[in-house]
């Protein structure tokens, strides 16, 4: 299996893992984001994809899925209130980068 096939397979896994985000539900949106990024981190840990590839796939998912885009935005807006143990490294990095894109101050990962 070449790199492109691995990426497509990983994207499908991430897309299928996305649960319902509810209607204006902050809690459901953050939970959906945490589930998807947990799987992305697991794929990185299992060396199926690289961290850069995972961040790329999360950005593609945010462009293709309005549900994930809403979940990622809600998580980025509330990143300081999320328990450190609940969010994976790739999820933190993606949400923190999204905060910068929203012209918000990034959260220092040392204090996080």
PDB file of N, CA and C in Angstrom:
ATOM      1  N   UNK A   1       0.856  -1.175   0.000  1.00  0.00           N
ATOM      2  CA  UNK A   1       0.000   0.000   0.000  1.00  0.00           C
ATOM      3  C   UNK A   1       0.903   1.240   0.000  1.00  0.00           C
ATOM      4  N   UNK A   2       0.696   2.097  -0.992  1.00  0.00           N
ATOM      5  CA  UNK A   2       1.529   3.297  -1.057  1.00  0.00           C
ATOM      6  C   UNK A   2       0.976   4.402  -0.158  1.00  0.00           C
ATOM      7  N   UNK A   3       1.700   5.508  -0.106  1.00  0.00           N
ATOM      8  CA  UNK A   3       1.367   6.611   0.807  1.00  0.00           C
ATOM      9  C   UNK A   3      -0.003   7.219   0.515  1.00  0.00           C
ATOM     10  N   UNK A   4      -0.347   7.343  -0.752  1.00  0.00           N
ATOM     11  CA  UNK A   4      -1.649   7.911  -1.127  1.00  0.00           C
ATOM     12  C   UNK A   4      -2.794   7.022  -0.642  1.00  0.00           C
ATOM     13  N   UNK A   5      -2.633   5.715  -0.797  1.00  0.00           N
ATOM     14  CA  UNK A   5      -3.661   4.786  -0.335  1.00  0.00           C
ATOM     15  C   UNK A   5      -3.810   4.825   1.182  1.00  0.00           C
ATOM     16  N   UNK A   6      -2.689   4.956   1.878  1.00  0.00           N
ATOM     17  CA  UNK A   6      -2.732   5.062   3.336  1.00  0.00           C
ATOM     18  C   UNK A   6      -3.462   6.332   3.765  1.00  0.00           C
ATOM     19  N   UNK A   7      -3.208   7.416   3.054  1.00  0.00           N
ATOM     20  CA  UNK A   7      -3.869   8.676   3.375  1.00  0.00           C
ATOM     21  C   UNK A   7      -5.368   8.601   3.127  1.00  0.00           C
ATOM     22  N   UNK A   8      -5.754   8.005   2.005  1.00  0.00           N
ATOM     23  CA  UNK A   8      -7.182   7.856   1.707  1.00  0.00           C
ATOM     24  C   UNK A   8      -7.871   6.970   2.734  1.00  0.00           C
ATOM     25  N   UNK A   9      -7.205   5.907   3.111  1.00  0.00           N
ATOM     26  CA  UNK A   9      -7.745   4.996   4.118  1.00  0.00           C
ATOM     27  C   UNK A   9      -7.897   5.701   5.465  1.00  0.00           C
ATOM     28  N   UNK A  10      -6.885   6.477   5.841  1.00  0.00           N
ATOM     29  CA  UNK A  10      -6.933   7.223   7.109  1.00  0.00           C
ATOM     30  C   UNK A  10      -8.038   8.271   7.074  1.00  0.00           C
ATOM     31  N   UNK A  11      -8.204   8.948   5.935  1.00  0.00           N
ATOM     32  CA  UNK A  11      -9.260   9.955   5.807  1.00  0.00           C
ATOM     33  C   UNK A  11     -10.630   9.305   5.996  1.00  0.00           C
ATOM     34  N   UNK A  12     -10.841   8.166   5.374  1.00  0.00           N
ATOM     35  CA  UNK A  12     -12.127   7.462   5.506  1.00  0.00           C
ATOM     36  C   UNK A  12     -12.393   7.059   6.953  1.00  0.00           C
ATOM     37  N   UNK A  13     -11.351   6.604   7.638  1.00  0.00           N
ATOM     38  CA  UNK A  13     -11.505   6.238   9.047  1.00  0.00           C
ATOM     39  C   UNK A  13     -11.899   7.456   9.884  1.00  0.00           C
ATOM     40  N   UNK A  14     -11.243   8.587   9.641  1.00  0.00           N
ATOM     41  CA  UNK A  14     -11.545   9.804  10.387  1.00  0.00           C
ATOM     42  C   UNK A  14     -12.965  10.281  10.093  1.00  0.00           C
ATOM     43  N   UNK A  15     -13.354  10.249   8.820  1.00  0.00           N
ATOM     44  CA  UNK A  15     -14.688  10.708   8.435  1.00  0.00           C
ATOM     45  C   UNK A  15     -15.777   9.825   9.053  1.00  0.00           C
ATOM     46  N   UNK A  16     -15.542   8.529   9.059  1.00  0.00           N
ATOM     47  CA  UNK A  16     -16.539   7.601   9.606  1.00  0.00           C
ATOM     48  C   UNK A  16     -16.637   7.695  11.123  1.00  0.00           C
ATOM     49  N   UNK A  17     -15.608   8.160  11.786  1.00  0.00           N
ATOM     50  CA  UNK A  17     -15.589   8.273  13.247  1.00  0.00           C
ATOM     51  C   UNK A  17     -16.368   9.496  13.743  1.00  0.00           C
ATOM     52  N   UNK A  18     -16.662  10.438  12.838  1.00  0.00           N
ATOM     53  CA  UNK A  18     -17.321  11.685  13.219  1.00  0.00           C
ATOM     54  C   UNK A  18     -18.769  11.426  13.651  1.00  0.00           C
ATOM     55  N   UNK A  19     -19.067  11.647  14.944  1.00  0.00           N
ATOM     56  CA  UNK A  19     -20.453  11.465  15.412  1.00  0.00           C
ATOM     57  C   UNK A  19     -21.285  12.722  15.156  1.00  0.00           C
ATOM     58  N   UNK A  20     -22.529  12.665  15.528  1.00  0.00           N
ATOM     59  CA  UNK A  20     -23.423  13.809  15.399  1.00  0.00           C
ATOM     60  C   UNK A  20     -22.937  14.949  16.295  1.00  0.00           C
ATOM     61  N   UNK A  21     -23.056  16.185  15.794  1.00  0.00           N
ATOM     62  CA  UNK A  21     -22.631  17.343  16.589  1.00  0.00           C
ATOM     63  C   UNK A  21     -23.810  18.053  17.241  1.00  0.00           C
ATOM     64  N   UNK A  22     -25.019  17.574  16.996  1.00  0.00           N
ATOM     65  CA  UNK A  22     -26.193  18.191  17.601  1.00  0.00           C
ATOM     66  C   UNK A  22     -26.495  19.545  16.982  1.00  0.00           C
ATOM     67  N   UNK A  23     -27.490  20.209  17.540  1.00  0.00           N
ATOM     68  CA  UNK A  23     -27.883  21.520  17.061  1.00  0.00           C
ATOM     69  C   UNK A  23     -27.428  22.558  18.071  1.00  0.00           C
ATOM     70  N   UNK A  24     -26.365  23.286  17.719  1.00  0.00           N
ATOM     71  CA  UNK A  24     -25.773  24.298  18.595  1.00  0.00           C
ATOM     72  C   UNK A  24     -25.381  23.746  19.965  1.00  0.00           C
ATOM     73  N   UNK A  25     -24.901  22.521  19.981  1.00  0.00           N
ATOM     74  CA  UNK A  25     -24.485  21.891  21.232  1.00  0.00           C
ATOM     75  C   UNK A  25     -22.962  21.959  21.360  1.00  0.00           C
ATOM     76  N   UNK A  26     -22.490  22.802  22.262  1.00  0.00           N
ATOM     77  CA  UNK A  26     -21.052  22.942  22.474  1.00  0.00           C
ATOM     78  C   UNK A  26     -20.457  21.606  22.907  1.00  0.00           C
ATOM     79  N   UNK A  27     -21.116  20.934  23.832  1.00  0.00           N
ATOM     80  CA  UNK A  27     -20.601  19.678  24.371  1.00  0.00           C
ATOM     81  C   UNK A  27     -20.470  18.607  23.285  1.00  0.00           C
ATOM     82  N   UNK A  28     -21.504  18.430  22.459  1.00  0.00           N
ATOM     83  CA  UNK A  28     -21.455  17.410  21.405  1.00  0.00           C
ATOM     84  C   UNK A  28     -20.397  17.738  20.355  1.00  0.00           C
ATOM     85  N   UNK A  29     -20.227  19.011  20.074  1.00  0.00           N
ATOM     86  CA  UNK A  29     -19.226  19.400  19.072  1.00  0.00           C
ATOM     87  C   UNK A  29     -17.813  19.137  19.582  1.00  0.00           C
ATOM     88  N   UNK A  30     -17.557  19.473  20.810  1.00  0.00           N
ATOM     89  CA  UNK A  30     -16.228  19.228  21.376  1.00  0.00           C
ATOM     90  C   UNK A  30     -15.974  17.721  21.478  1.00  0.00           C
ATOM     91  N   UNK A  31     -16.973  16.961  21.887  1.00  0.00           N
ATOM     92  CA  UNK A  31     -16.817  15.507  21.982  1.00  0.00           C
ATOM     93  C   UNK A  31     -16.538  14.910  20.606  1.00  0.00           C
ATOM     94  N   UNK A  32     -17.236  15.386  19.580  1.00  0.00           N
ATOM     95  CA  UNK A  32     -17.000  14.894  18.221  1.00  0.00           C
ATOM     96  C   UNK A  32     -15.563  15.181  17.791  1.00  0.00           C
ATOM     97  N   UNK A  33     -15.088  16.380  18.079  1.00  0.00           N
ATOM     98  CA  UNK A  33     -13.713  16.744  17.735  1.00  0.00           C
ATOM     99  C   UNK A  33     -12.717  15.849  18.472  1.00  0.00           C
ATOM    100  N   UNK A  34     -12.955  15.625  19.755  1.00  0.00           N
ATOM    101  CA  UNK A  34     -12.047  14.803  20.548  1.00  0.00           C
ATOM    102  C   UNK A  34     -12.005  13.365  20.039  1.00  0.00           C
ATOM    103  N   UNK A  35     -13.142  12.826  19.601  1.00  0.00           N
ATOM    104  CA  UNK A  35     -13.166  11.454  19.073  1.00  0.00           C
ATOM    105  C   UNK A  35     -12.365  11.330  17.784  1.00  0.00           C
ATOM    106  N   UNK A  36     -12.538  12.288  16.898  1.00  0.00           N
ATOM    107  CA  UNK A  36     -11.821  12.237  15.619  1.00  0.00           C
ATOM    108  C   UNK A  36     -10.325  12.426  15.830  1.00  0.00           C
ATOM    109  N   UNK A  37      -9.941  13.378  16.665  1.00  0.00           N
ATOM    110  CA  UNK A  37      -8.513  13.616  16.875  1.00  0.00           C
ATOM    111  C   UNK A  37      -7.863  12.502  17.695  1.00  0.00           C
ATOM    112  N   UNK A  38      -8.642  11.823  18.518  1.00  0.00           N
ATOM    113  CA  UNK A  38      -8.111  10.660  19.233  1.00  0.00           C
ATOM    114  C   UNK A  38      -7.735   9.576  18.230  1.00  0.00           C
ATOM    115  N   UNK A  39      -8.597   9.348  17.245  1.00  0.00           N
ATOM    116  CA  UNK A  39      -8.283   8.369  16.208  1.00  0.00           C
ATOM    117  C   UNK A  39      -7.081   8.813  15.382  1.00  0.00           C
ATOM    118  N   UNK A  40      -6.997  10.098  15.069  1.00  0.00           N
ATOM    119  CA  UNK A  40      -5.848  10.602  14.309  1.00  0.00           C
ATOM    120  C   UNK A  40      -4.555  10.369  15.079  1.00  0.00           C
ATOM    121  N   UNK A  41      -4.586  10.625  16.387  1.00  0.00           N
ATOM    122  CA  UNK A  41      -3.401  10.395  17.212  1.00  0.00           C
ATOM    123  C   UNK A  41      -3.053   8.907  17.261  1.00  0.00           C
ATOM    124  N   UNK A  42      -4.068   8.061  17.300  1.00  0.00           N
ATOM    125  CA  UNK A  42      -3.839   6.614  17.305  1.00  0.00           C
ATOM    126  C   UNK A  42      -3.185   6.167  15.990  1.00  0.00           C
ATOM    127  N   UNK A  43      -3.619   6.739  14.880  1.00  0.00           N
ATOM    128  CA  UNK A  43      -3.008   6.416  13.586  1.00  0.00           C
ATOM    129  C   UNK A  43      -1.550   6.862  13.549  1.00  0.00           C
ATOM    130  N   UNK A  44      -1.258   8.000  14.175  1.00  0.00           N
ATOM    131  CA  UNK A  44       0.124   8.471  14.256  1.00  0.00           C
ATOM    132  C   UNK A  44       0.941   7.530  15.127  1.00  0.00           C
ATOM    133  N   UNK A  45       0.399   7.170  16.286  1.00  0.00           N
ATOM    134  CA  UNK A  45       1.113   6.289  17.210  1.00  0.00           C
ATOM    135  C   UNK A  45       1.374   4.914  16.606  1.00  0.00           C
ATOM    136  N   UNK A  46       0.441   4.433  15.785  1.00  0.00           N
ATOM    137  CA  UNK A  46       0.594   3.136  15.120  1.00  0.00           C
ATOM    138  C   UNK A  46       1.441   3.242  13.860  1.00  0.00           C
ATOM    139  N   UNK A  47       1.939   4.455  13.582  1.00  0.00           N
ATOM    140  CA  UNK A  47       2.796   4.753  12.437  1.00  0.00           C
ATOM    141  C   UNK A  47       2.131   4.454  11.094  1.00  0.00           C
ATOM    142  N   UNK A  48       0.802   4.614  11.058  1.00  0.00           N
ATOM    143  CA  UNK A  48       0.090   4.470   9.786  1.00  0.00           C
ATOM    144  C   UNK A  48       0.198   5.750   8.967  1.00  0.00           C
ATOM    145  N   UNK A  49       0.235   6.901   9.673  1.00  0.00           N
ATOM    146  CA  UNK A  49       0.413   8.200   9.020  1.00  0.00           C
ATOM    147  C   UNK A  49       1.345   9.051   9.884  1.00  0.00           C
ATOM    148  N   UNK A  50       1.904  10.081   9.274  1.00  0.00           N
ATOM    149  CA  UNK A  50       2.768  10.998  10.026  1.00  0.00           C
ATOM    150  C   UNK A  50       1.910  12.090  10.667  1.00  0.00           C
ATOM    151  N   UNK A  51       2.511  12.849  11.575  1.00  0.00           N
ATOM    152  CA  UNK A  51       1.777  13.942  12.212  1.00  0.00           C
ATOM    153  C   UNK A  51       1.398  15.007  11.183  1.00  0.00           C
ATOM    154  N   UNK A  52       2.311  15.322  10.274  1.00  0.00           N
ATOM    155  CA  UNK A  52       2.011  16.305   9.226  1.00  0.00           C
ATOM    156  C   UNK A  52       0.854  15.828   8.347  1.00  0.00           C
ATOM    157  N   UNK A  53       0.859  14.556   8.025  1.00  0.00           N
ATOM    158  CA  UNK A  53      -0.224  13.985   7.219  1.00  0.00           C
ATOM    159  C   UNK A  53      -1.541  14.040   7.992  1.00  0.00           C
ATOM    160  N   UNK A  54      -1.503  13.768   9.281  1.00  0.00           N
ATOM    161  CA  UNK A  54      -2.721  13.820  10.105  1.00  0.00           C
ATOM    162  C   UNK A  54      -3.273  15.240  10.147  1.00  0.00           C
ATOM    163  N   UNK A  55      -2.402  16.225  10.323  1.00  0.00           N
ATOM    164  CA  UNK A  55      -2.853  17.620  10.326  1.00  0.00           C
ATOM    165  C   UNK A  55      -3.448  18.003   8.975  1.00  0.00           C
ATOM    166  N   UNK A  56      -2.844  17.525   7.920  1.00  0.00           N
ATOM    167  CA  UNK A  56      -3.372  17.780   6.574  1.00  0.00           C
ATOM    168  C   UNK A  56      -4.747  17.142   6.407  1.00  0.00           C
ATOM    169  N   UNK A  57      -4.877  15.884   6.844  1.00  0.00           N
ATOM    170  CA  UNK A  57      -6.166  15.192   6.720  1.00  0.00           C
ATOM    171  C   UNK A  57      -7.249  15.859   7.559  1.00  0.00           C
ATOM    172  N   UNK A  58      -6.882  16.365   8.730  1.00  0.00           N
ATOM    173  CA  UNK A  58      -7.855  17.094   9.557  1.00  0.00           C
ATOM    174  C   UNK A  58      -8.297  18.382   8.861  1.00  0.00           C
ATOM    175  N   UNK A  59      -7.367  19.048   8.182  1.00  0.00           N
ATOM    176  CA  UNK A  59      -7.751  20.276   7.469  1.00  0.00           C
ATOM    177  C   UNK A  59      -8.642  19.958   6.268  1.00  0.00           C
ATOM    178  N   UNK A  60      -8.370  18.859   5.589  1.00  0.00           N
ATOM    179  CA  UNK A  60      -9.232  18.438   4.475  1.00  0.00           C
ATOM    180  C   UNK A  60     -10.614  18.077   5.006  1.00  0.00           C
ATOM    181  N   UNK A  61     -10.637  17.362   6.116  1.00  0.00           N
ATOM    182  CA  UNK A  61     -11.913  16.982   6.728  1.00  0.00           C
ATOM    183  C   UNK A  61     -12.709  18.221   7.120  1.00  0.00           C
ATOM    184  N   UNK A  62     -12.039  19.238   7.620  1.00  0.00           N
ATOM    185  CA  UNK A  62     -12.722  20.477   7.999  1.00  0.00           C
ATOM    186  C   UNK A  62     -13.289  21.189   6.769  1.00  0.00           C
ATOM    187  N   UNK A  63     -12.618  21.070   5.639  1.00  0.00           N
ATOM    188  CA  UNK A  63     -13.121  21.699   4.409  1.00  0.00           C
ATOM    189  C   UNK A  63     -14.263  20.906   3.789  1.00  0.00           C
ATOM    190  N   UNK A  64     -14.211  19.588   3.915  1.00  0.00           N
ATOM    191  CA  UNK A  64     -15.214  18.733   3.268  1.00  0.00           C
ATOM    192  C   UNK A  64     -16.443  18.467   4.131  1.00  0.00           C
ATOM    193  N   UNK A  65     -16.289  18.534   5.444  1.00  0.00           N
ATOM    194  CA  UNK A  65     -17.382  18.220   6.361  1.00  0.00           C
ATOM    195  C   UNK A  65     -17.710  19.441   7.211  1.00  0.00           C
ATOM    196  N   UNK A  66     -18.880  20.008   6.991  1.00  0.00           N
ATOM    197  CA  UNK A  66     -19.260  21.181   7.780  1.00  0.00           C
ATOM    198  C   UNK A  66     -19.422  20.811   9.253  1.00  0.00           C
ATOM    199  N   UNK A  67     -19.794  19.574   9.520  1.00  0.00           N
ATOM    200  CA  UNK A  67     -19.930  19.136  10.916  1.00  0.00           C
ATOM    201  C   UNK A  67     -18.583  19.158  11.624  1.00  0.00           C
ATOM    202  N   UNK A  68     -17.546  18.646  10.966  1.00  0.00           N
ATOM    203  CA  UNK A  68     -16.232  18.653  11.598  1.00  0.00           C
ATOM    204  C   UNK A  68     -15.690  20.076  11.695  1.00  0.00           C
ATOM    205  N   UNK A  69     -15.966  20.895  10.695  1.00  0.00           N
ATOM    206  CA  UNK A  69     -15.516  22.282  10.737  1.00  0.00           C
ATOM    207  C   UNK A  69     -16.138  23.008  11.922  1.00  0.00           C
ATOM    208  N   UNK A  70     -17.410  22.777  12.157  1.00  0.00           N
ATOM    209  CA  UNK A  70     -18.093  23.388  13.306  1.00  0.00           C
ATOM    210  C   UNK A  70     -17.532  22.851  14.622  1.00  0.00           C
ATOM    211  N   UNK A  71     -17.266  21.546  14.654  1.00  0.00           N
ATOM    212  CA  UNK A  71     -16.699  20.932  15.863  1.00  0.00           C
ATOM    213  C   UNK A  71     -15.301  21.475  16.146  1.00  0.00           C
ATOM    214  N   UNK A  72     -14.486  21.604  15.107  1.00  0.00           N
ATOM    215  CA  UNK A  72     -13.122  22.119  15.279  1.00  0.00           C
ATOM    216  C   UNK A  72     -13.138  23.580  15.718  1.00  0.00           C
ATOM    217  N   UNK A  73     -14.018  24.361  15.136  1.00  0.00           N
ATOM    218  CA  UNK A  73     -14.114  25.773  15.513  1.00  0.00           C
ATOM    219  C   UNK A  73     -14.568  25.923  16.959  1.00  0.00           C
ATOM    220  N   UNK A  74     -15.566  25.155  17.358  1.00  0.00           N
ATOM    221  CA  UNK A  74     -16.054  25.218  18.742  1.00  0.00           C
ATOM    222  C   UNK A  74     -14.945  24.815  19.712  1.00  0.00           C
ATOM    223  N   UNK A  75     -14.177  23.812  19.353  1.00  0.00           N
ATOM    224  CA  UNK A  75     -13.072  23.375  20.200  1.00  0.00           C
ATOM    225  C   UNK A  75     -11.996  24.457  20.283  1.00  0.00           C
ATOM    226  N   UNK A  76     -11.674  25.068  19.158  1.00  0.00           N
ATOM    227  CA  UNK A  76     -10.666  26.130  19.148  1.00  0.00           C
ATOM    228  C   UNK A  76     -11.103  27.310  20.019  1.00  0.00           C
ATOM    229  N   UNK A  77     -12.369  27.655  19.939  1.00  0.00           N
ATOM    230  CA  UNK A  77     -12.881  28.773  20.734  1.00  0.00           C
ATOM    231  C   UNK A  77     -12.842  28.484  22.234  1.00  0.00           C
ATOM    232  N   UNK A  78     -12.983  27.213  22.602  1.00  0.00           N
ATOM    233  CA  UNK A  78     -13.051  26.821  24.013  1.00  0.00           C
ATOM    234  C   UNK A  78     -11.834  26.013  24.455  1.00  0.00           C
ATOM    235  N   UNK A  79     -10.730  26.151  23.770  1.00  0.00           N
ATOM    236  CA  UNK A  79      -9.557  25.315  24.020  1.00  0.00           C
ATOM    237  C   UNK A  79      -9.023  25.450  25.449  1.00  0.00           C
ATOM    238  N   UNK A  80      -9.094  26.638  26.015  1.00  0.00           N
ATOM    239  CA  UNK A  80      -8.574  26.825  27.368  1.00  0.00           C
ATOM    240  C   UNK A  80      -9.397  26.078  28.417  1.00  0.00           C
ATOM    241  N   UNK A  81     -10.674  25.844  28.155  1.00  0.00           N
ATOM    242  CA  UNK A  81     -11.534  25.190  29.135  1.00  0.00           C
ATOM    243  C   UNK A  81     -11.515  23.664  29.033  1.00  0.00           C
ATOM    244  N   UNK A  82     -10.880  23.126  28.016  1.00  0.00           N
ATOM    245  CA  UNK A  82     -10.862  21.674  27.814  1.00  0.00           C
ATOM    246  C   UNK A  82      -9.783  21.053  28.689  1.00  0.00           C
ATOM    247  N   UNK A  83     -10.136  19.953  29.330  1.00  0.00           N
ATOM    248  CA  UNK A  83      -9.212  19.231  30.199  1.00  0.00           C
ATOM    249  C   UNK A  83      -8.004  18.752  29.394  1.00  0.00           C
ATOM    250  N   UNK A  84      -6.822  18.983  29.919  1.00  0.00           N
ATOM    251  CA  UNK A  84      -5.579  18.594  29.236  1.00  0.00           C
ATOM    252  C   UNK A  84      -5.527  17.104  28.922  1.00  0.00           C
ATOM    253  N   UNK A  85      -6.064  16.287  29.807  1.00  0.00           N
ATOM    254  CA  UNK A  85      -6.010  14.841  29.614  1.00  0.00           C
ATOM    255  C   UNK A  85      -6.955  14.376  28.505  1.00  0.00           C
ATOM    256  N   UNK A  86      -7.942  15.187  28.158  1.00  0.00           N
ATOM    257  CA  UNK A  86      -8.945  14.768  27.183  1.00  0.00           C
ATOM    258  C   UNK A  86      -8.504  14.974  25.733  1.00  0.00           C
ATOM    259  N   UNK A  87      -7.631  15.937  25.510  1.00  0.00           N
ATOM    260  CA  UNK A  87      -7.254  16.275  24.134  1.00  0.00           C
ATOM    261  C   UNK A  87      -5.883  15.691  23.793  1.00  0.00           C
ATOM    262  N   UNK A  88      -5.796  15.111  22.631  1.00  0.00           N
ATOM    263  CA  UNK A  88      -4.545  14.516  22.167  1.00  0.00           C
ATOM    264  C   UNK A  88      -3.645  15.592  21.559  1.00  0.00           C
ATOM    265  N   UNK A  89      -2.386  15.271  21.409  1.00  0.00           N
ATOM    266  CA  UNK A  89      -1.390  16.243  20.927  1.00  0.00           C
ATOM    267  C   UNK A  89      -1.752  16.788  19.548  1.00  0.00           C
ATOM    268  N   UNK A  90      -2.144  15.926  18.625  1.00  0.00           N
ATOM    269  CA  UNK A  90      -2.476  16.393  17.280  1.00  0.00           C
ATOM    270  C   UNK A  90      -3.746  17.237  17.314  1.00  0.00           C
ATOM    271  N   UNK A  91      -4.678  16.906  18.184  1.00  0.00           N
ATOM    272  CA  UNK A  91      -5.901  17.693  18.324  1.00  0.00           C
ATOM    273  C   UNK A  91      -5.626  19.063  18.886  1.00  0.00           C
ATOM    274  N   UNK A  92      -4.732  19.133  19.869  1.00  0.00           N
ATOM    275  CA  UNK A  92      -4.343  20.420  20.444  1.00  0.00           C
ATOM    276  C   UNK A  92      -3.658  21.287  19.397  1.00  0.00           C
ATOM    277  N   UNK A  93      -2.751  20.684  18.657  1.00  0.00           N
ATOM    278  CA  UNK A  93      -1.994  21.434  17.659  1.00  0.00           C
ATOM    279  C   UNK A  93      -2.920  21.985  16.568  1.00  0.00           C
ATOM    280  N   UNK A  94      -3.856  21.152  16.101  1.00  0.00           N
ATOM    281  CA  UNK A  94      -4.774  21.593  15.054  1.00  0.00           C
ATOM    282  C   UNK A  94      -5.688  22.706  15.571  1.00  0.00           C
ATOM    283  N   UNK A  95      -6.237  22.539  16.778  1.00  0.00           N
ATOM    284  CA  UNK A  95      -7.122  23.554  17.347  1.00  0.00           C
ATOM    285  C   UNK A  95      -6.368  24.850  17.623  1.00  0.00           C
ATOM    286  N   UNK A  96      -5.149  24.739  18.075  1.00  0.00           N
ATOM    287  CA  UNK A  96      -4.344  25.935  18.347  1.00  0.00           C
ATOM    288  C   UNK A  96      -4.032  26.684  17.051  1.00  0.00           C
ATOM    289  N   UNK A  97      -3.731  25.955  15.979  1.00  0.00           N
ATOM    290  CA  UNK A  97      -3.508  26.586  14.680  1.00  0.00           C
ATOM    291  C   UNK A  97      -4.792  27.237  14.172  1.00  0.00           C
ATOM    292  N   UNK A  98      -5.912  26.603  14.432  1.00  0.00           N
ATOM    293  CA  UNK A  98      -7.196  27.171  14.033  1.00  0.00           C
ATOM    294  C   UNK A  98      -7.474  28.462  14.797  1.00  0.00           C
ATOM    295  N   UNK A  99      -7.085  28.503  16.067  1.00  0.00           N
ATOM    296  CA  UNK A  99      -7.221  29.746  16.848  1.00  0.00           C
ATOM    297  C   UNK A  99      -6.449  30.879  16.181  1.00  0.00           C
ATOM    298  N   UNK A 100      -5.258  30.587  15.709  1.00  0.00           N
ATOM    299  CA  UNK A 100      -4.452  31.603  15.031  1.00  0.00           C
ATOM    300  C   UNK A 100      -5.141  32.058  13.740  1.00  0.00           C
ATOM    301  N   UNK A 101      -5.739  31.118  13.009  1.00  0.00           N
ATOM    302  CA  UNK A 101      -6.461  31.471  11.787  1.00  0.00           C
ATOM    303  C   UNK A 101      -7.680  32.332  12.084  1.00  0.00           C
ATOM    304  N   UNK A 102      -8.248  32.177  13.269  1.00  0.00           N
ATOM    305  CA  UNK A 102      -9.396  32.985  13.690  1.00  0.00           C
ATOM    306  C   UNK A 102      -8.953  34.297  14.334  1.00  0.00           C
ATOM    307  N   UNK A 103      -7.658  34.591  14.238  1.00  0.00           N
ATOM    308  CA  UNK A 103      -7.033  35.790  14.802  1.00  0.00           C
ATOM    309  C   UNK A 103      -7.214  35.864  16.316  1.00  0.00           C
ATOM    310  N   UNK A 104      -7.112  34.704  16.951  1.00  0.00           N
ATOM    311  CA  UNK A 104      -7.115  34.612  18.408  1.00  0.00           C
ATOM    312  C   UNK A 104      -5.696  34.271  18.848  1.00  0.00           C
ATOM    313  N   UNK A 105      -5.375  34.600  20.077  1.00  0.00           N
ATOM    314  CA  UNK A 105      -4.056  34.261  20.596  1.00  0.00           C
ATOM    315  C   UNK A 105      -3.939  32.761  20.775  1.00  0.00           C
ATOM    316  N   UNK A 106      -2.794  32.192  20.375  1.00  0.00           N
ATOM    317  CA  UNK A 106      -2.604  30.760  20.613  1.00  0.00           C
ATOM    318  C   UNK A 106      -2.415  30.484  22.098  1.00  0.00           C
ATOM    319  N   UNK A 107      -2.690  29.266  22.477  1.00  0.00           N
ATOM    320  CA  UNK A 107      -2.494  28.844  23.858  1.00  0.00           C
ATOM    321  C   UNK A 107      -1.129  28.195  23.949  1.00  0.00           C
ATOM    322  N   UNK A 108      -0.349  28.611  24.907  1.00  0.00           N
ATOM    323  CA  UNK A 108       0.976  28.054  25.094  1.00  0.00           C
ATOM    324  C   UNK A 108       0.839  26.599  25.536  1.00  0.00           C
ATOM    325  N   UNK A 109       1.464  25.687  24.820  1.00  0.00           N
ATOM    326  CA  UNK A 109       1.324  24.271  25.147  1.00  0.00           C
ATOM    327  C   UNK A 109       2.034  23.904  26.445  1.00  0.00           C
ATOM    328  N   UNK A 110       2.916  24.760  26.938  1.00  0.00           N
ATOM    329  CA  UNK A 110       3.575  24.487  28.213  1.00  0.00           C
ATOM    330  C   UNK A 110       2.588  24.695  29.371  1.00  0.00           C
ATOM    331  N   UNK A 111       1.818  25.773  29.297  1.00  0.00           N
ATOM    332  CA  UNK A 111       0.839  26.034  30.339  1.00  0.00           C
ATOM    333  C   UNK A 111      -0.417  25.215  30.160  1.00  0.00           C
ATOM    334  N   UNK A 112      -0.643  24.731  28.950  1.00  0.00           N
ATOM    335  CA  UNK A 112      -1.822  23.925  28.689  1.00  0.00           C
ATOM    336  C   UNK A 112      -1.619  22.580  29.314  1.00  0.00           C
TER     337      UNK A 112
END
